[in-house]
Amino acid sequence: MSEQNNMKKIVGLDSRYGFEDEQFVNFFLLVQAKANEQGKIFYIDCGEGNIALIGNVLAMDLSGWLIDQSDAQEFESYWLEGSDYIPDKFTKFECEEEWYLEDDAICINLITF
């Protein structure tokens, strides 16, 4: 299976959001791991700046949704259509991701409102 086909299977990221950029995918996997620690899945909406290349990782602040794993299938069906199609009931799951360096390690904060 090609690398691009593997990347298409990353939950919370699809072709609209640049999965062809391996350095960004490396970062997104860190974000997803942080979400998974909380029993959730992060679905990206857009980049918010604070961009830096750190080794083989292209880090940036992101906005999106932090969705309970039990709601992920329903949410993803809307999300794949585009953010304009996401029902209001998911508004409370909007999330901002901010990253920072601490002791040369990338740290991820997931901020909900």
N, C-alpha and C. Protein backbone atom coordinates (compact mmCIF):
# COMPACT_ATOMS: atom_id res chain seq x y z
N MET A 1 0.86 -1.18 0.00
CA MET A 1 0.00 0.00 0.00
C MET A 1 0.90 1.23 0.00
N SER A 2 0.55 2.21 -0.78
CA SER A 2 1.38 3.41 -0.87
C SER A 2 1.26 4.26 0.38
N GLU A 3 2.28 5.12 0.60
CA GLU A 3 2.27 6.03 1.75
C GLU A 3 1.05 6.93 1.71
N GLN A 4 0.68 7.43 0.52
CA GLN A 4 -0.47 8.32 0.41
C GLN A 4 -1.75 7.60 0.82
N ASN A 5 -1.90 6.32 0.44
CA ASN A 5 -3.09 5.58 0.84
C ASN A 5 -3.13 5.40 2.35
N ASN A 6 -1.99 5.18 2.99
CA ASN A 6 -1.95 5.08 4.45
C ASN A 6 -2.40 6.39 5.08
N MET A 7 -1.96 7.51 4.53
CA MET A 7 -2.28 8.80 5.10
C MET A 7 -3.77 9.11 4.98
N LYS A 8 -4.44 8.58 3.99
CA LYS A 8 -5.86 8.83 3.83
C LYS A 8 -6.67 8.25 4.99
N LYS A 9 -6.07 7.35 5.75
CA LYS A 9 -6.78 6.68 6.83
C LYS A 9 -6.60 7.38 8.17
N ILE A 10 -5.98 8.54 8.21
CA ILE A 10 -5.78 9.25 9.46
C ILE A 10 -7.09 9.90 9.87
N VAL A 11 -7.63 9.47 10.99
CA VAL A 11 -8.90 10.00 11.49
C VAL A 11 -8.71 11.47 11.85
N GLY A 12 -9.67 12.29 11.44
CA GLY A 12 -9.63 13.72 11.76
C GLY A 12 -8.90 14.57 10.75
N LEU A 13 -8.36 13.95 9.72
CA LEU A 13 -7.60 14.64 8.69
C LEU A 13 -8.00 14.04 7.35
N ASP A 14 -8.29 14.89 6.37
CA ASP A 14 -8.54 14.36 5.03
C ASP A 14 -7.86 15.25 4.00
N SER A 15 -8.07 14.94 2.75
CA SER A 15 -7.32 15.57 1.66
C SER A 15 -7.46 17.09 1.62
N ARG A 16 -8.54 17.64 2.16
CA ARG A 16 -8.71 19.09 2.16
C ARG A 16 -7.67 19.77 3.04
N TYR A 17 -7.08 19.02 3.94
CA TYR A 17 -6.23 19.61 4.96
C TYR A 17 -4.76 19.27 4.81
N GLY A 18 -4.35 18.79 3.67
CA GLY A 18 -2.93 18.64 3.39
C GLY A 18 -2.25 17.41 3.94
N PHE A 19 -2.90 16.25 3.87
CA PHE A 19 -2.23 15.07 4.38
C PHE A 19 -1.05 14.65 3.52
N GLU A 20 -0.86 15.30 2.38
CA GLU A 20 0.30 14.97 1.55
C GLU A 20 1.59 15.53 2.13
N ASP A 21 1.50 16.42 3.10
CA ASP A 21 2.68 17.00 3.75
C ASP A 21 3.07 16.13 4.94
N GLU A 22 4.07 15.29 4.76
CA GLU A 22 4.46 14.32 5.78
C GLU A 22 4.86 15.00 7.10
N GLN A 23 5.49 16.16 7.02
CA GLN A 23 5.90 16.87 8.24
C GLN A 23 4.67 17.34 9.03
N PHE A 24 3.63 17.81 8.33
CA PHE A 24 2.41 18.19 9.02
C PHE A 24 1.69 16.96 9.58
N VAL A 25 1.67 15.89 8.84
CA VAL A 25 1.05 14.65 9.33
C VAL A 25 1.73 14.20 10.62
N ASN A 26 3.06 14.31 10.68
CA ASN A 26 3.77 13.95 11.90
C ASN A 26 3.26 14.77 13.08
N PHE A 27 3.01 16.06 12.86
CA PHE A 27 2.48 16.91 13.92
C PHE A 27 1.04 16.52 14.25
N PHE A 28 0.23 16.33 13.24
CA PHE A 28 -1.17 16.00 13.48
C PHE A 28 -1.31 14.72 14.30
N LEU A 29 -0.43 13.77 14.09
CA LEU A 29 -0.47 12.54 14.87
C LEU A 29 -0.20 12.80 16.35
N LEU A 30 0.63 13.81 16.66
CA LEU A 30 0.85 14.22 18.06
C LEU A 30 -0.43 14.81 18.65
N VAL A 31 -1.11 15.63 17.86
CA VAL A 31 -2.38 16.22 18.30
C VAL A 31 -3.40 15.11 18.56
N GLN A 32 -3.48 14.17 17.65
CA GLN A 32 -4.45 13.08 17.79
C GLN A 32 -4.13 12.22 19.01
N ALA A 33 -2.86 11.99 19.28
CA ALA A 33 -2.46 11.21 20.45
C ALA A 33 -2.91 11.92 21.74
N LYS A 34 -2.77 13.24 21.79
CA LYS A 34 -3.21 14.01 22.95
C LYS A 34 -4.73 13.89 23.12
N ALA A 35 -5.47 13.98 22.03
CA ALA A 35 -6.92 13.83 22.08
C ALA A 35 -7.29 12.43 22.56
N ASN A 36 -6.60 11.43 22.07
CA ASN A 36 -6.89 10.04 22.45
C ASN A 36 -6.67 9.81 23.94
N GLU A 37 -5.73 10.53 24.56
CA GLU A 37 -5.52 10.42 26.01
C GLU A 37 -6.80 10.78 26.78
N GLN A 38 -7.64 11.60 26.17
CA GLN A 38 -8.89 12.05 26.79
C GLN A 38 -10.10 11.24 26.32
N GLY A 39 -9.85 10.20 25.51
CA GLY A 39 -10.95 9.40 24.97
C GLY A 39 -11.68 10.12 23.86
N LYS A 40 -10.98 11.01 23.18
CA LYS A 40 -11.60 11.85 22.14
C LYS A 40 -10.81 11.77 20.85
N ILE A 41 -11.40 12.34 19.80
CA ILE A 41 -10.76 12.44 18.49
C ILE A 41 -10.79 13.90 18.07
N PHE A 42 -9.66 14.40 17.59
CA PHE A 42 -9.59 15.78 17.10
C PHE A 42 -9.84 15.77 15.60
N TYR A 43 -10.81 16.59 15.16
CA TYR A 43 -11.09 16.78 13.74
C TYR A 43 -10.69 18.20 13.37
N ILE A 44 -9.81 18.33 12.41
CA ILE A 44 -9.28 19.63 12.03
C ILE A 44 -10.29 20.46 11.25
N ASP A 45 -10.29 21.75 11.51
CA ASP A 45 -11.01 22.72 10.68
C ASP A 45 -10.00 23.52 9.88
N CYS A 46 -9.06 24.19 10.59
CA CYS A 46 -8.05 24.98 9.85
C CYS A 46 -6.85 25.27 10.74
N GLY A 47 -5.77 25.72 10.09
CA GLY A 47 -4.58 26.17 10.79
C GLY A 47 -4.79 27.58 11.30
N GLU A 48 -4.14 27.88 12.43
CA GLU A 48 -4.33 29.17 13.08
C GLU A 48 -3.01 29.93 13.27
N GLY A 49 -1.94 29.51 12.60
CA GLY A 49 -0.67 30.21 12.73
C GLY A 49 0.27 29.53 13.71
N ASN A 50 1.26 30.30 14.20
CA ASN A 50 2.29 29.78 15.11
C ASN A 50 2.98 28.58 14.47
N ILE A 51 3.45 28.76 13.24
CA ILE A 51 4.01 27.68 12.43
C ILE A 51 5.52 27.61 12.61
N ALA A 52 6.01 26.39 12.82
CA ALA A 52 7.46 26.19 12.94
C ALA A 52 7.81 24.77 12.50
N LEU A 53 8.95 24.65 11.83
CA LEU A 53 9.48 23.34 11.45
C LEU A 53 10.47 22.93 12.53
N ILE A 54 10.17 21.84 13.20
CA ILE A 54 11.01 21.34 14.29
C ILE A 54 11.39 19.91 13.93
N GLY A 55 12.60 19.73 13.46
CA GLY A 55 13.02 18.42 12.98
C GLY A 55 12.18 18.02 11.79
N ASN A 56 11.51 16.88 11.90
CA ASN A 56 10.65 16.41 10.80
C ASN A 56 9.17 16.67 11.09
N VAL A 57 8.90 17.69 11.93
CA VAL A 57 7.53 18.00 12.33
C VAL A 57 7.21 19.46 11.99
N LEU A 58 6.14 19.67 11.23
CA LEU A 58 5.66 21.02 10.93
C LEU A 58 4.53 21.32 11.91
N ALA A 59 4.87 22.05 12.97
CA ALA A 59 3.91 22.35 14.03
C ALA A 59 3.14 23.62 13.71
N MET A 60 1.88 23.66 14.13
CA MET A 60 1.07 24.87 14.00
C MET A 60 -0.12 24.76 14.93
N ASP A 61 -0.63 25.92 15.34
CA ASP A 61 -1.88 25.94 16.09
C ASP A 61 -3.02 25.59 15.14
N LEU A 62 -4.00 24.87 15.64
CA LEU A 62 -5.13 24.41 14.82
C LEU A 62 -6.44 24.73 15.51
N SER A 63 -7.49 24.81 14.72
CA SER A 63 -8.84 24.83 15.28
C SER A 63 -9.59 23.64 14.70
N GLY A 64 -10.59 23.20 15.45
CA GLY A 64 -11.37 22.05 15.01
C GLY A 64 -12.37 21.66 16.07
N TRP A 65 -12.59 20.37 16.21
CA TRP A 65 -13.57 19.82 17.15
C TRP A 65 -12.92 18.67 17.90
N LEU A 66 -13.20 18.59 19.18
CA LEU A 66 -12.73 17.50 20.03
C LEU A 66 -13.95 16.65 20.38
N ILE A 67 -14.05 15.53 19.71
CA ILE A 67 -15.27 14.72 19.72
C ILE A 67 -15.08 13.44 20.53
N ASP A 68 -16.06 13.13 21.38
CA ASP A 68 -16.04 11.85 22.09
C ASP A 68 -16.01 10.72 21.06
N GLN A 69 -15.26 9.67 21.39
CA GLN A 69 -15.16 8.55 20.46
C GLN A 69 -16.53 7.95 20.15
N SER A 70 -17.44 8.00 21.09
CA SER A 70 -18.78 7.43 20.87
C SER A 70 -19.59 8.25 19.86
N ASP A 71 -19.24 9.51 19.66
CA ASP A 71 -19.95 10.37 18.71
C ASP A 71 -19.20 10.55 17.38
N ALA A 72 -18.04 9.94 17.28
CA ALA A 72 -17.16 10.20 16.14
C ALA A 72 -17.76 9.80 14.80
N GLN A 73 -18.40 8.68 14.72
CA GLN A 73 -18.95 8.23 13.44
C GLN A 73 -19.99 9.21 12.92
N GLU A 74 -20.90 9.62 13.79
CA GLU A 74 -21.92 10.59 13.36
C GLU A 74 -21.26 11.91 12.96
N PHE A 75 -20.37 12.43 13.80
CA PHE A 75 -19.73 13.71 13.52
C PHE A 75 -18.97 13.65 12.20
N GLU A 76 -18.20 12.59 12.01
CA GLU A 76 -17.37 12.49 10.81
C GLU A 76 -18.20 12.52 9.53
N SER A 77 -19.40 11.96 9.56
CA SER A 77 -20.24 11.97 8.36
C SER A 77 -20.56 13.40 7.92
N TYR A 78 -20.75 14.31 8.89
CA TYR A 78 -20.98 15.72 8.57
C TYR A 78 -19.68 16.42 8.21
N TRP A 79 -18.65 16.18 8.98
CA TRP A 79 -17.35 16.83 8.81
C TRP A 79 -16.77 16.57 7.42
N LEU A 80 -16.94 15.36 6.92
CA LEU A 80 -16.42 15.03 5.59
C LEU A 80 -17.09 15.85 4.49
N GLU A 81 -18.31 16.32 4.74
CA GLU A 81 -19.02 17.18 3.79
C GLU A 81 -18.51 18.62 3.85
N GLY A 82 -17.92 19.01 4.95
CA GLY A 82 -17.41 20.37 5.13
C GLY A 82 -17.96 20.99 6.40
N SER A 83 -17.23 21.95 6.94
CA SER A 83 -17.61 22.52 8.24
C SER A 83 -18.98 23.20 8.20
N ASP A 84 -19.43 23.65 7.04
CA ASP A 84 -20.76 24.27 6.94
C ASP A 84 -21.89 23.28 7.18
N TYR A 85 -21.60 21.99 7.12
CA TYR A 85 -22.63 20.96 7.25
C TYR A 85 -22.71 20.36 8.66
N ILE A 86 -21.88 20.84 9.57
CA ILE A 86 -21.87 20.29 10.93
C ILE A 86 -23.01 20.90 11.74
N PRO A 87 -23.88 20.07 12.31
CA PRO A 87 -25.04 20.57 13.06
C PRO A 87 -24.61 21.35 14.31
N ASP A 88 -25.49 22.25 14.72
CA ASP A 88 -25.24 23.08 15.89
C ASP A 88 -24.97 22.27 17.16
N LYS A 89 -25.51 21.08 17.26
CA LYS A 89 -25.32 20.29 18.47
C LYS A 89 -23.85 19.96 18.74
N PHE A 90 -23.00 20.12 17.73
CA PHE A 90 -21.57 19.85 17.90
C PHE A 90 -20.77 21.11 18.22
N THR A 91 -21.42 22.27 18.29
CA THR A 91 -20.73 23.53 18.56
C THR A 91 -19.96 23.47 19.88
N LYS A 92 -20.55 22.83 20.87
CA LYS A 92 -19.91 22.77 22.19
C LYS A 92 -18.60 21.98 22.18
N PHE A 93 -18.31 21.30 21.09
CA PHE A 93 -17.08 20.52 20.98
C PHE A 93 -15.98 21.25 20.21
N GLU A 94 -16.24 22.51 19.85
CA GLU A 94 -15.20 23.28 19.15
C GLU A 94 -13.97 23.37 20.04
N CYS A 95 -12.80 23.34 19.40
CA CYS A 95 -11.55 23.23 20.15
C CYS A 95 -10.45 24.00 19.43
N GLU A 96 -9.57 24.56 20.21
CA GLU A 96 -8.34 25.15 19.67
C GLU A 96 -7.18 24.33 20.19
N GLU A 97 -6.26 24.03 19.32
CA GLU A 97 -5.03 23.35 19.71
C GLU A 97 -3.92 24.38 19.66
N GLU A 98 -3.12 24.44 20.72
CA GLU A 98 -1.93 25.29 20.75
C GLU A 98 -0.76 24.43 21.16
N TRP A 99 0.34 24.63 20.50
CA TRP A 99 1.54 23.85 20.82
C TRP A 99 2.61 24.79 21.37
N TYR A 100 3.57 24.21 22.08
CA TYR A 100 4.73 24.94 22.57
C TYR A 100 5.87 23.94 22.77
N LEU A 101 7.09 24.47 22.87
CA LEU A 101 8.25 23.64 23.14
C LEU A 101 8.59 23.70 24.62
N GLU A 102 8.88 22.55 25.18
CA GLU A 102 9.36 22.48 26.56
C GLU A 102 10.47 21.44 26.60
N ASP A 103 11.66 21.87 26.96
CA ASP A 103 12.82 20.97 26.99
C ASP A 103 12.99 20.26 25.64
N ASP A 104 12.87 21.01 24.56
CA ASP A 104 13.02 20.51 23.19
C ASP A 104 11.95 19.50 22.77
N ALA A 105 10.88 19.38 23.54
CA ALA A 105 9.78 18.48 23.17
C ALA A 105 8.56 19.32 22.80
N ILE A 106 7.83 18.87 21.79
CA ILE A 106 6.59 19.54 21.40
C ILE A 106 5.49 19.12 22.36
N CYS A 107 4.86 20.11 22.97
CA CYS A 107 3.74 19.87 23.90
C CYS A 107 2.47 20.41 23.27
N ILE A 108 1.38 19.72 23.48
CA ILE A 108 0.09 20.05 22.87
C ILE A 108 -0.93 20.41 23.96
N ASN A 109 -1.60 21.54 23.78
CA ASN A 109 -2.74 21.90 24.63
C ASN A 109 -4.00 21.88 23.76
N LEU A 110 -5.03 21.21 24.23
CA LEU A 110 -6.33 21.22 23.56
C LEU A 110 -7.28 22.04 24.43
N ILE A 111 -7.76 23.14 23.89
CA ILE A 111 -8.55 24.09 24.65
C ILE A 111 -9.99 24.07 24.13
N THR A 112 -10.91 23.73 25.02
CA THR A 112 -12.33 23.77 24.64
C THR A 112 -12.98 24.96 25.33
N PHE A 113 -14.14 25.34 24.83
CA PHE A 113 -14.80 26.56 25.33
C PHE A 113 -16.04 26.21 26.12
